[in-house]
Amino acid sequence: MQSTQFQDEIDNALFLANFFGQEEGSDLLLEYRPDPGRRHSSNGLHGATGRGLEEEILEYIWFSGADPDVLDGFGATPIMYAMQLPAPHDWKIIELLTEEGADPCYGICIGGVSWPYPDIAKAMGKPDLAKLLEEAIMEMSEDEETDVPSRC
C-alpha cells in the first residue's frame, strides 16, 4: 500500500506529465498506480484536459472511473482546464467532457458569488465559448432524458 504522500506526489506528477504533453512520462507513471481522478488534488484528468488529450481523458473516465466534474485542490473542474485551451479546441474538449457526464451548469464559488462557466468564459475574453456554454446549459435544461444530475 502506498503512503498518502507518495500518492499525492504520483498524482501530481501525472498531472504535470499530461499537462506538458510528456506522453512517455505519463505512461511510465501509470505503472505506479496514480489516481487520475483523485478528488481535491491535481490529477491526470485535469492535466489531460488542460492539454486537450482526448484519448487520455476517455481512458481516465472509462477505465479509471474518474468523475468528469472532479474538483482539483483549488475547486477547478476539468471543464475549467479545457476553457484555457485555444478555440476551437476548448469547445471540442468541453463537448467531450459533457458527453461523458460533465455538468455544464456548474458554477465555481468565489467570494460567496457563484460564477457559472459562461461568465468565466466572458471574463476570459471568450464570448464565443460563453455562447456555446449557454447553449449547452439550455439544451441540458430542456433534455428530460439526461442521466447527468444538473445544477441548473
N, C-alpha and C. Protein backbone atom coordinates (compact mmCIF):
# COMPACT_ATOMS: atom_id res chain seq x y z
N MET A 1 0.84 -1.19 0.00
CA MET A 1 0.00 0.00 0.00
C MET A 1 0.89 1.25 0.00
N GLN A 2 0.54 2.20 -0.85
CA GLN A 2 1.34 3.42 -0.98
C GLN A 2 0.98 4.42 0.12
N SER A 3 1.96 5.20 0.55
CA SER A 3 1.70 6.22 1.55
C SER A 3 0.90 7.36 0.91
N THR A 4 0.24 8.14 1.75
CA THR A 4 -0.54 9.28 1.26
C THR A 4 0.37 10.27 0.55
N GLN A 5 1.55 10.50 1.10
CA GLN A 5 2.48 11.44 0.48
C GLN A 5 2.91 10.94 -0.89
N PHE A 6 3.21 9.66 -1.01
CA PHE A 6 3.60 9.10 -2.31
C PHE A 6 2.45 9.25 -3.29
N GLN A 7 1.22 8.97 -2.83
CA GLN A 7 0.05 9.09 -3.71
C GLN A 7 -0.11 10.53 -4.18
N ASP A 8 0.05 11.49 -3.27
CA ASP A 8 -0.02 12.91 -3.65
C ASP A 8 1.00 13.22 -4.73
N GLU A 9 2.22 12.75 -4.53
CA GLU A 9 3.31 13.06 -5.47
C GLU A 9 3.09 12.40 -6.83
N ILE A 10 2.65 11.16 -6.84
CA ILE A 10 2.48 10.46 -8.11
C ILE A 10 1.28 11.03 -8.88
N ASP A 11 0.23 11.43 -8.16
CA ASP A 11 -0.93 12.05 -8.82
C ASP A 11 -0.54 13.40 -9.41
N ASN A 12 0.23 14.18 -8.66
CA ASN A 12 0.69 15.47 -9.16
C ASN A 12 1.64 15.30 -10.34
N ALA A 13 2.49 14.29 -10.28
CA ALA A 13 3.42 14.02 -11.39
C ALA A 13 2.65 13.65 -12.66
N LEU A 14 1.58 12.87 -12.52
CA LEU A 14 0.77 12.52 -13.69
C LEU A 14 0.08 13.76 -14.26
N PHE A 15 -0.41 14.62 -13.38
CA PHE A 15 -0.99 15.89 -13.84
C PHE A 15 0.03 16.66 -14.69
N LEU A 16 1.23 16.82 -14.15
CA LEU A 16 2.26 17.60 -14.85
C LEU A 16 2.68 16.94 -16.16
N ALA A 17 2.85 15.63 -16.16
CA ALA A 17 3.24 14.92 -17.39
C ALA A 17 2.20 15.12 -18.48
N ASN A 18 0.93 15.00 -18.13
CA ASN A 18 -0.13 15.21 -19.11
C ASN A 18 -0.21 16.66 -19.55
N PHE A 19 -0.19 17.57 -18.58
CA PHE A 19 -0.36 18.99 -18.88
C PHE A 19 0.74 19.51 -19.81
N PHE A 20 1.94 18.96 -19.66
CA PHE A 20 3.05 19.39 -20.50
C PHE A 20 3.32 18.45 -21.67
N GLY A 21 2.38 17.53 -21.92
CA GLY A 21 2.45 16.68 -23.12
C GLY A 21 3.57 15.66 -23.11
N GLN A 22 3.96 15.21 -21.95
CA GLN A 22 5.04 14.22 -21.83
C GLN A 22 4.45 12.81 -21.80
N GLU A 23 4.10 12.30 -22.98
CA GLU A 23 3.42 11.01 -23.09
C GLU A 23 4.23 9.86 -22.50
N GLU A 24 5.53 9.84 -22.78
CA GLU A 24 6.39 8.77 -22.24
C GLU A 24 6.39 8.79 -20.71
N GLY A 25 6.50 9.98 -20.16
CA GLY A 25 6.49 10.12 -18.71
C GLY A 25 5.16 9.70 -18.11
N SER A 26 4.09 10.09 -18.78
CA SER A 26 2.76 9.71 -18.33
C SER A 26 2.59 8.19 -18.32
N ASP A 27 3.02 7.55 -19.40
CA ASP A 27 2.92 6.09 -19.48
C ASP A 27 3.74 5.41 -18.38
N LEU A 28 4.92 5.93 -18.11
CA LEU A 28 5.76 5.37 -17.06
C LEU A 28 5.10 5.53 -15.69
N LEU A 29 4.53 6.70 -15.43
CA LEU A 29 3.90 6.97 -14.14
C LEU A 29 2.70 6.05 -13.88
N LEU A 30 2.01 5.64 -14.94
CA LEU A 30 0.85 4.77 -14.77
C LEU A 30 1.22 3.44 -14.12
N GLU A 31 2.47 3.03 -14.26
CA GLU A 31 2.94 1.80 -13.62
C GLU A 31 2.92 1.90 -12.09
N TYR A 32 2.93 3.13 -11.56
CA TYR A 32 2.95 3.35 -10.12
C TYR A 32 1.55 3.58 -9.53
N ARG A 33 0.54 3.33 -10.34
CA ARG A 33 -0.85 3.37 -9.94
C ARG A 33 -1.32 4.71 -9.38
N PRO A 34 -1.16 5.79 -10.13
CA PRO A 34 -1.73 7.06 -9.70
C PRO A 34 -3.25 6.98 -9.81
N ASP A 35 -3.92 7.90 -9.17
CA ASP A 35 -5.38 8.01 -9.29
C ASP A 35 -5.67 9.18 -10.21
N PRO A 36 -5.95 8.93 -11.51
CA PRO A 36 -6.14 10.03 -12.46
C PRO A 36 -7.41 10.84 -12.23
N GLY A 37 -8.24 10.43 -11.28
CA GLY A 37 -9.45 11.19 -10.98
C GLY A 37 -9.55 11.55 -9.51
N ARG A 38 -8.42 11.63 -8.84
CA ARG A 38 -8.41 11.89 -7.40
C ARG A 38 -9.05 13.24 -7.09
N ARG A 39 -9.92 13.24 -6.10
CA ARG A 39 -10.63 14.46 -5.69
C ARG A 39 -9.72 15.42 -4.91
N HIS A 40 -9.98 16.70 -5.10
CA HIS A 40 -9.30 17.77 -4.37
C HIS A 40 -7.79 17.70 -4.52
N SER A 41 -7.36 17.35 -5.71
CA SER A 41 -5.93 17.20 -6.00
C SER A 41 -5.71 17.42 -7.49
N SER A 42 -4.55 17.91 -7.83
CA SER A 42 -4.17 17.90 -9.25
C SER A 42 -4.09 16.44 -9.65
N ASN A 43 -4.67 16.10 -10.77
CA ASN A 43 -4.68 14.69 -11.17
C ASN A 43 -4.53 14.55 -12.68
N GLY A 44 -4.45 13.33 -13.13
CA GLY A 44 -4.25 13.06 -14.55
C GLY A 44 -5.35 13.61 -15.44
N LEU A 45 -6.60 13.55 -14.98
CA LEU A 45 -7.71 14.07 -15.79
C LEU A 45 -7.58 15.57 -15.99
N HIS A 46 -7.24 16.30 -14.94
CA HIS A 46 -7.06 17.75 -15.08
C HIS A 46 -5.92 18.06 -16.05
N GLY A 47 -4.81 17.34 -15.92
CA GLY A 47 -3.67 17.57 -16.80
C GLY A 47 -4.00 17.24 -18.25
N ALA A 48 -4.67 16.11 -18.47
CA ALA A 48 -5.03 15.70 -19.83
C ALA A 48 -6.01 16.69 -20.45
N THR A 49 -6.93 17.19 -19.64
CA THR A 49 -7.91 18.15 -20.14
C THR A 49 -7.24 19.47 -20.47
N GLY A 50 -6.33 19.91 -19.61
CA GLY A 50 -5.61 21.16 -19.85
C GLY A 50 -4.74 21.13 -21.08
N ARG A 51 -4.39 19.94 -21.53
CA ARG A 51 -3.57 19.78 -22.74
C ARG A 51 -4.42 19.37 -23.94
N GLY A 52 -5.69 19.00 -23.69
CA GLY A 52 -6.57 18.59 -24.78
C GLY A 52 -6.30 17.18 -25.27
N LEU A 53 -5.88 16.29 -24.38
CA LEU A 53 -5.53 14.91 -24.75
C LEU A 53 -6.77 14.02 -24.68
N GLU A 54 -7.49 13.95 -25.80
CA GLU A 54 -8.77 13.24 -25.83
C GLU A 54 -8.66 11.78 -25.42
N GLU A 55 -7.67 11.08 -25.94
CA GLU A 55 -7.52 9.66 -25.64
C GLU A 55 -7.34 9.42 -24.13
N GLU A 56 -6.51 10.24 -23.50
CA GLU A 56 -6.26 10.09 -22.08
C GLU A 56 -7.49 10.45 -21.26
N ILE A 57 -8.20 11.50 -21.68
CA ILE A 57 -9.43 11.90 -20.99
C ILE A 57 -10.40 10.73 -20.94
N LEU A 58 -10.62 10.12 -22.10
CA LEU A 58 -11.55 8.98 -22.16
C LEU A 58 -11.03 7.79 -21.36
N GLU A 59 -9.75 7.54 -21.44
CA GLU A 59 -9.15 6.42 -20.68
C GLU A 59 -9.39 6.61 -19.18
N TYR A 60 -9.17 7.81 -18.68
CA TYR A 60 -9.32 8.06 -17.26
C TYR A 60 -10.77 7.97 -16.81
N ILE A 61 -11.68 8.44 -17.64
CA ILE A 61 -13.10 8.37 -17.29
C ILE A 61 -13.61 6.93 -17.39
N TRP A 62 -13.32 6.27 -18.52
CA TRP A 62 -13.85 4.92 -18.76
C TRP A 62 -13.21 3.85 -17.90
N PHE A 63 -11.89 3.86 -17.81
CA PHE A 63 -11.19 2.74 -17.19
C PHE A 63 -10.73 3.00 -15.76
N SER A 64 -10.59 4.27 -15.38
CA SER A 64 -10.16 4.58 -14.02
C SER A 64 -11.30 5.14 -13.18
N GLY A 65 -12.45 5.34 -13.81
CA GLY A 65 -13.61 5.83 -13.07
C GLY A 65 -13.52 7.28 -12.64
N ALA A 66 -12.71 8.07 -13.34
CA ALA A 66 -12.59 9.49 -12.99
C ALA A 66 -13.91 10.21 -13.23
N ASP A 67 -14.31 11.02 -12.28
CA ASP A 67 -15.52 11.84 -12.39
C ASP A 67 -15.21 13.02 -13.32
N PRO A 68 -15.97 13.21 -14.40
CA PRO A 68 -15.68 14.31 -15.32
C PRO A 68 -15.89 15.70 -14.71
N ASP A 69 -16.45 15.76 -13.49
CA ASP A 69 -16.62 17.03 -12.77
C ASP A 69 -15.70 17.12 -11.55
N VAL A 70 -14.69 16.26 -11.46
CA VAL A 70 -13.84 16.23 -10.27
C VAL A 70 -13.16 17.58 -10.04
N LEU A 71 -13.15 18.00 -8.78
CA LEU A 71 -12.51 19.27 -8.41
C LEU A 71 -11.05 19.04 -8.07
N ASP A 72 -10.21 20.01 -8.47
CA ASP A 72 -8.81 19.95 -8.03
C ASP A 72 -8.71 20.63 -6.65
N GLY A 73 -7.53 20.83 -6.17
CA GLY A 73 -7.33 21.42 -4.86
C GLY A 73 -7.77 22.87 -4.74
N PHE A 74 -8.04 23.51 -5.86
CA PHE A 74 -8.47 24.91 -5.86
C PHE A 74 -9.93 25.06 -6.26
N GLY A 75 -10.62 23.94 -6.48
CA GLY A 75 -12.03 23.98 -6.86
C GLY A 75 -12.27 24.06 -8.36
N ALA A 76 -11.23 23.88 -9.17
CA ALA A 76 -11.39 23.92 -10.63
C ALA A 76 -11.77 22.53 -11.14
N THR A 77 -12.60 22.51 -12.17
CA THR A 77 -13.06 21.27 -12.79
C THR A 77 -12.32 21.04 -14.11
N PRO A 78 -12.43 19.85 -14.68
CA PRO A 78 -11.84 19.62 -16.00
C PRO A 78 -12.34 20.62 -17.06
N ILE A 79 -13.62 20.99 -17.00
CA ILE A 79 -14.12 21.97 -17.97
C ILE A 79 -13.35 23.28 -17.84
N MET A 80 -13.03 23.67 -16.63
CA MET A 80 -12.29 24.92 -16.45
C MET A 80 -10.88 24.83 -17.04
N TYR A 81 -10.28 23.66 -16.96
CA TYR A 81 -8.98 23.47 -17.61
C TYR A 81 -9.14 23.55 -19.13
N ALA A 82 -10.19 22.95 -19.66
CA ALA A 82 -10.43 22.97 -21.11
C ALA A 82 -10.69 24.39 -21.60
N MET A 83 -11.30 25.22 -20.77
CA MET A 83 -11.60 26.60 -21.16
C MET A 83 -10.32 27.39 -21.46
N GLN A 84 -9.20 26.94 -20.95
CA GLN A 84 -7.93 27.64 -21.16
C GLN A 84 -7.28 27.29 -22.50
N LEU A 85 -7.80 26.27 -23.17
CA LEU A 85 -7.25 25.89 -24.47
C LEU A 85 -7.65 26.92 -25.53
N PRO A 86 -6.90 27.03 -26.61
CA PRO A 86 -7.29 27.94 -27.68
C PRO A 86 -8.54 27.42 -28.40
N ALA A 87 -9.32 28.36 -28.92
CA ALA A 87 -10.51 27.99 -29.71
C ALA A 87 -10.04 27.41 -31.04
N PRO A 88 -10.73 26.49 -31.61
CA PRO A 88 -11.97 25.83 -31.19
C PRO A 88 -11.72 24.59 -30.35
N HIS A 89 -10.45 24.33 -30.01
CA HIS A 89 -10.13 23.12 -29.25
C HIS A 89 -10.77 23.14 -27.86
N ASP A 90 -10.93 24.34 -27.29
CA ASP A 90 -11.56 24.45 -25.98
C ASP A 90 -12.95 23.83 -25.99
N TRP A 91 -13.75 24.21 -26.99
CA TRP A 91 -15.12 23.70 -27.07
C TRP A 91 -15.16 22.21 -27.40
N LYS A 92 -14.25 21.76 -28.24
CA LYS A 92 -14.20 20.34 -28.60
C LYS A 92 -14.00 19.48 -27.35
N ILE A 93 -13.10 19.89 -26.47
CA ILE A 93 -12.83 19.14 -25.25
C ILE A 93 -13.99 19.27 -24.27
N ILE A 94 -14.59 20.45 -24.18
CA ILE A 94 -15.75 20.63 -23.30
C ILE A 94 -16.90 19.74 -23.76
N GLU A 95 -17.13 19.67 -25.07
CA GLU A 95 -18.17 18.78 -25.60
C GLU A 95 -17.89 17.33 -25.22
N LEU A 96 -16.64 16.92 -25.36
CA LEU A 96 -16.26 15.56 -24.99
C LEU A 96 -16.57 15.30 -23.51
N LEU A 97 -16.20 16.23 -22.66
CA LEU A 97 -16.45 16.08 -21.23
C LEU A 97 -17.94 16.01 -20.92
N THR A 98 -18.74 16.85 -21.56
CA THR A 98 -20.18 16.82 -21.29
C THR A 98 -20.81 15.54 -21.82
N GLU A 99 -20.32 15.04 -22.94
CA GLU A 99 -20.81 13.75 -23.45
C GLU A 99 -20.50 12.63 -22.47
N GLU A 100 -19.44 12.79 -21.71
CA GLU A 100 -19.03 11.77 -20.73
C GLU A 100 -19.60 12.05 -19.33
N GLY A 101 -20.47 13.05 -19.22
CA GLY A 101 -21.17 13.27 -17.96
C GLY A 101 -20.84 14.54 -17.21
N ALA A 102 -19.94 15.37 -17.71
CA ALA A 102 -19.65 16.64 -17.02
C ALA A 102 -20.88 17.55 -17.11
N ASP A 103 -21.10 18.30 -16.07
CA ASP A 103 -22.26 19.18 -15.98
C ASP A 103 -21.90 20.60 -16.41
N PRO A 104 -22.44 21.08 -17.54
CA PRO A 104 -22.11 22.44 -17.99
C PRO A 104 -22.75 23.52 -17.12
N CYS A 105 -23.60 23.13 -16.18
CA CYS A 105 -24.29 24.10 -15.33
C CYS A 105 -23.52 24.44 -14.06
N TYR A 106 -22.37 23.83 -13.87
CA TYR A 106 -21.60 24.04 -12.66
C TYR A 106 -21.19 25.50 -12.52
N GLY A 107 -21.13 25.98 -11.30
CA GLY A 107 -20.62 27.32 -11.03
C GLY A 107 -19.62 27.26 -9.90
N ILE A 108 -18.49 27.91 -10.08
CA ILE A 108 -17.48 27.94 -9.02
C ILE A 108 -17.81 29.11 -8.09
N CYS A 109 -17.61 28.89 -6.82
CA CYS A 109 -17.93 29.92 -5.83
C CYS A 109 -16.66 30.70 -5.49
N ILE A 110 -16.70 31.99 -5.77
CA ILE A 110 -15.57 32.88 -5.47
C ILE A 110 -16.10 34.03 -4.62
N GLY A 111 -15.62 34.13 -3.41
CA GLY A 111 -16.06 35.21 -2.52
C GLY A 111 -17.55 35.19 -2.25
N GLY A 112 -18.13 34.00 -2.18
CA GLY A 112 -19.56 33.88 -1.92
C GLY A 112 -20.44 34.12 -3.13
N VAL A 113 -19.83 34.30 -4.29
CA VAL A 113 -20.59 34.53 -5.53
C VAL A 113 -20.37 33.35 -6.47
N SER A 114 -21.46 32.84 -7.03
CA SER A 114 -21.37 31.73 -7.97
C SER A 114 -21.04 32.25 -9.37
N TRP A 115 -20.00 31.69 -9.96
CA TRP A 115 -19.59 32.04 -11.32
C TRP A 115 -19.86 30.84 -12.22
N PRO A 116 -20.93 30.89 -13.02
CA PRO A 116 -21.16 29.79 -13.97
C PRO A 116 -20.13 29.85 -15.10
N TYR A 117 -19.96 28.71 -15.76
CA TYR A 117 -18.97 28.63 -16.84
C TYR A 117 -19.10 29.75 -17.88
N PRO A 118 -20.31 30.09 -18.35
CA PRO A 118 -20.37 31.17 -19.36
C PRO A 118 -19.79 32.49 -18.86
N ASP A 119 -20.02 32.81 -17.59
CA ASP A 119 -19.47 34.05 -17.03
C ASP A 119 -17.94 33.99 -16.95
N ILE A 120 -17.42 32.82 -16.62
CA ILE A 120 -15.97 32.65 -16.57
C ILE A 120 -15.39 32.83 -17.98
N ALA A 121 -16.05 32.24 -18.98
CA ALA A 121 -15.58 32.38 -20.37
C ALA A 121 -15.59 33.85 -20.80
N LYS A 122 -16.63 34.58 -20.43
CA LYS A 122 -16.69 36.01 -20.77
C LYS A 122 -15.55 36.77 -20.10
N ALA A 123 -15.29 36.45 -18.83
CA ALA A 123 -14.20 37.11 -18.10
C ALA A 123 -12.84 36.79 -18.72
N MET A 124 -12.75 35.64 -19.38
CA MET A 124 -11.51 35.23 -20.05
C MET A 124 -11.39 35.85 -21.44
N GLY A 125 -12.40 36.63 -21.85
CA GLY A 125 -12.38 37.22 -23.19
C GLY A 125 -12.75 36.24 -24.28
N LYS A 126 -13.60 35.26 -23.95
CA LYS A 126 -14.01 34.23 -24.90
C LYS A 126 -15.53 34.26 -25.08
N PRO A 127 -16.06 35.31 -25.74
CA PRO A 127 -17.52 35.41 -25.88
C PRO A 127 -18.13 34.28 -26.70
N ASP A 128 -17.41 33.77 -27.69
CA ASP A 128 -17.94 32.66 -28.49
C ASP A 128 -18.08 31.40 -27.64
N LEU A 129 -17.12 31.13 -26.81
CA LEU A 129 -17.19 29.98 -25.92
C LEU A 129 -18.32 30.17 -24.91
N ALA A 130 -18.48 31.39 -24.41
CA ALA A 130 -19.57 31.67 -23.46
C ALA A 130 -20.92 31.35 -24.10
N LYS A 131 -21.08 31.72 -25.36
CA LYS A 131 -22.35 31.45 -26.06
C LYS A 131 -22.57 29.95 -26.21
N LEU A 132 -21.54 29.22 -26.58
CA LEU A 132 -21.66 27.76 -26.72
C LEU A 132 -22.01 27.11 -25.37
N LEU A 133 -21.41 27.59 -24.31
CA LEU A 133 -21.71 27.06 -22.98
C LEU A 133 -23.15 27.38 -22.58
N GLU A 134 -23.61 28.59 -22.88
CA GLU A 134 -25.00 28.95 -22.59
C GLU A 134 -25.97 28.04 -23.35
N GLU A 135 -25.64 27.75 -24.61
CA GLU A 135 -26.48 26.85 -25.41
C GLU A 135 -26.48 25.44 -24.82
N ALA A 136 -25.33 24.98 -24.35
CA ALA A 136 -25.24 23.64 -23.73
C ALA A 136 -26.09 23.58 -22.47
N ILE A 137 -26.09 24.66 -21.70
CA ILE A 137 -26.91 24.71 -20.48
C ILE A 137 -28.39 24.67 -20.84
N MET A 138 -28.78 25.43 -21.85
CA MET A 138 -30.18 25.43 -22.29
C MET A 138 -30.59 24.05 -22.78
N GLU A 139 -29.72 23.42 -23.55
CA GLU A 139 -30.01 22.09 -24.08
C GLU A 139 -30.16 21.08 -22.94
N MET A 140 -29.30 21.17 -21.95
CA MET A 140 -29.39 20.24 -20.82
C MET A 140 -30.67 20.49 -20.03
N SER A 141 -31.04 21.74 -19.87
CA SER A 141 -32.25 22.07 -19.13
C SER A 141 -33.49 21.52 -19.82
N GLU A 142 -33.47 21.48 -21.15
CA GLU A 142 -34.61 21.01 -21.93
C GLU A 142 -34.63 19.50 -22.08
N ASP A 143 -33.50 18.84 -21.87
CA ASP A 143 -33.37 17.40 -22.11
C ASP A 143 -33.84 16.61 -20.90
N GLU A 144 -34.98 15.98 -21.02
CA GLU A 144 -35.53 15.20 -19.91
C GLU A 144 -34.92 13.80 -19.85
N GLU A 145 -34.21 13.40 -20.88
CA GLU A 145 -33.64 12.06 -20.96
C GLU A 145 -32.25 11.97 -20.32
N THR A 146 -31.69 13.08 -19.91
CA THR A 146 -30.31 13.09 -19.43
C THR A 146 -30.12 12.30 -18.14
N ASP A 147 -28.98 11.65 -18.02
CA ASP A 147 -28.61 10.94 -16.80
C ASP A 147 -27.74 11.81 -15.90
N VAL A 148 -27.38 12.98 -16.38
CA VAL A 148 -26.49 13.86 -15.63
C VAL A 148 -27.30 14.66 -14.61
N PRO A 149 -26.95 14.56 -13.32
CA PRO A 149 -27.65 15.38 -12.34
C PRO A 149 -27.23 16.84 -12.53
N SER A 150 -28.13 17.65 -13.01
CA SER A 150 -27.81 19.02 -13.36
C SER A 150 -28.01 19.96 -12.18
N ARG A 151 -27.21 21.01 -12.15
CA ARG A 151 -27.36 22.04 -11.14
C ARG A 151 -28.13 23.23 -11.69
N CYS A 152 -28.71 23.11 -12.87
CA CYS A 152 -29.45 24.22 -13.48
C CYS A 152 -30.72 24.53 -12.70
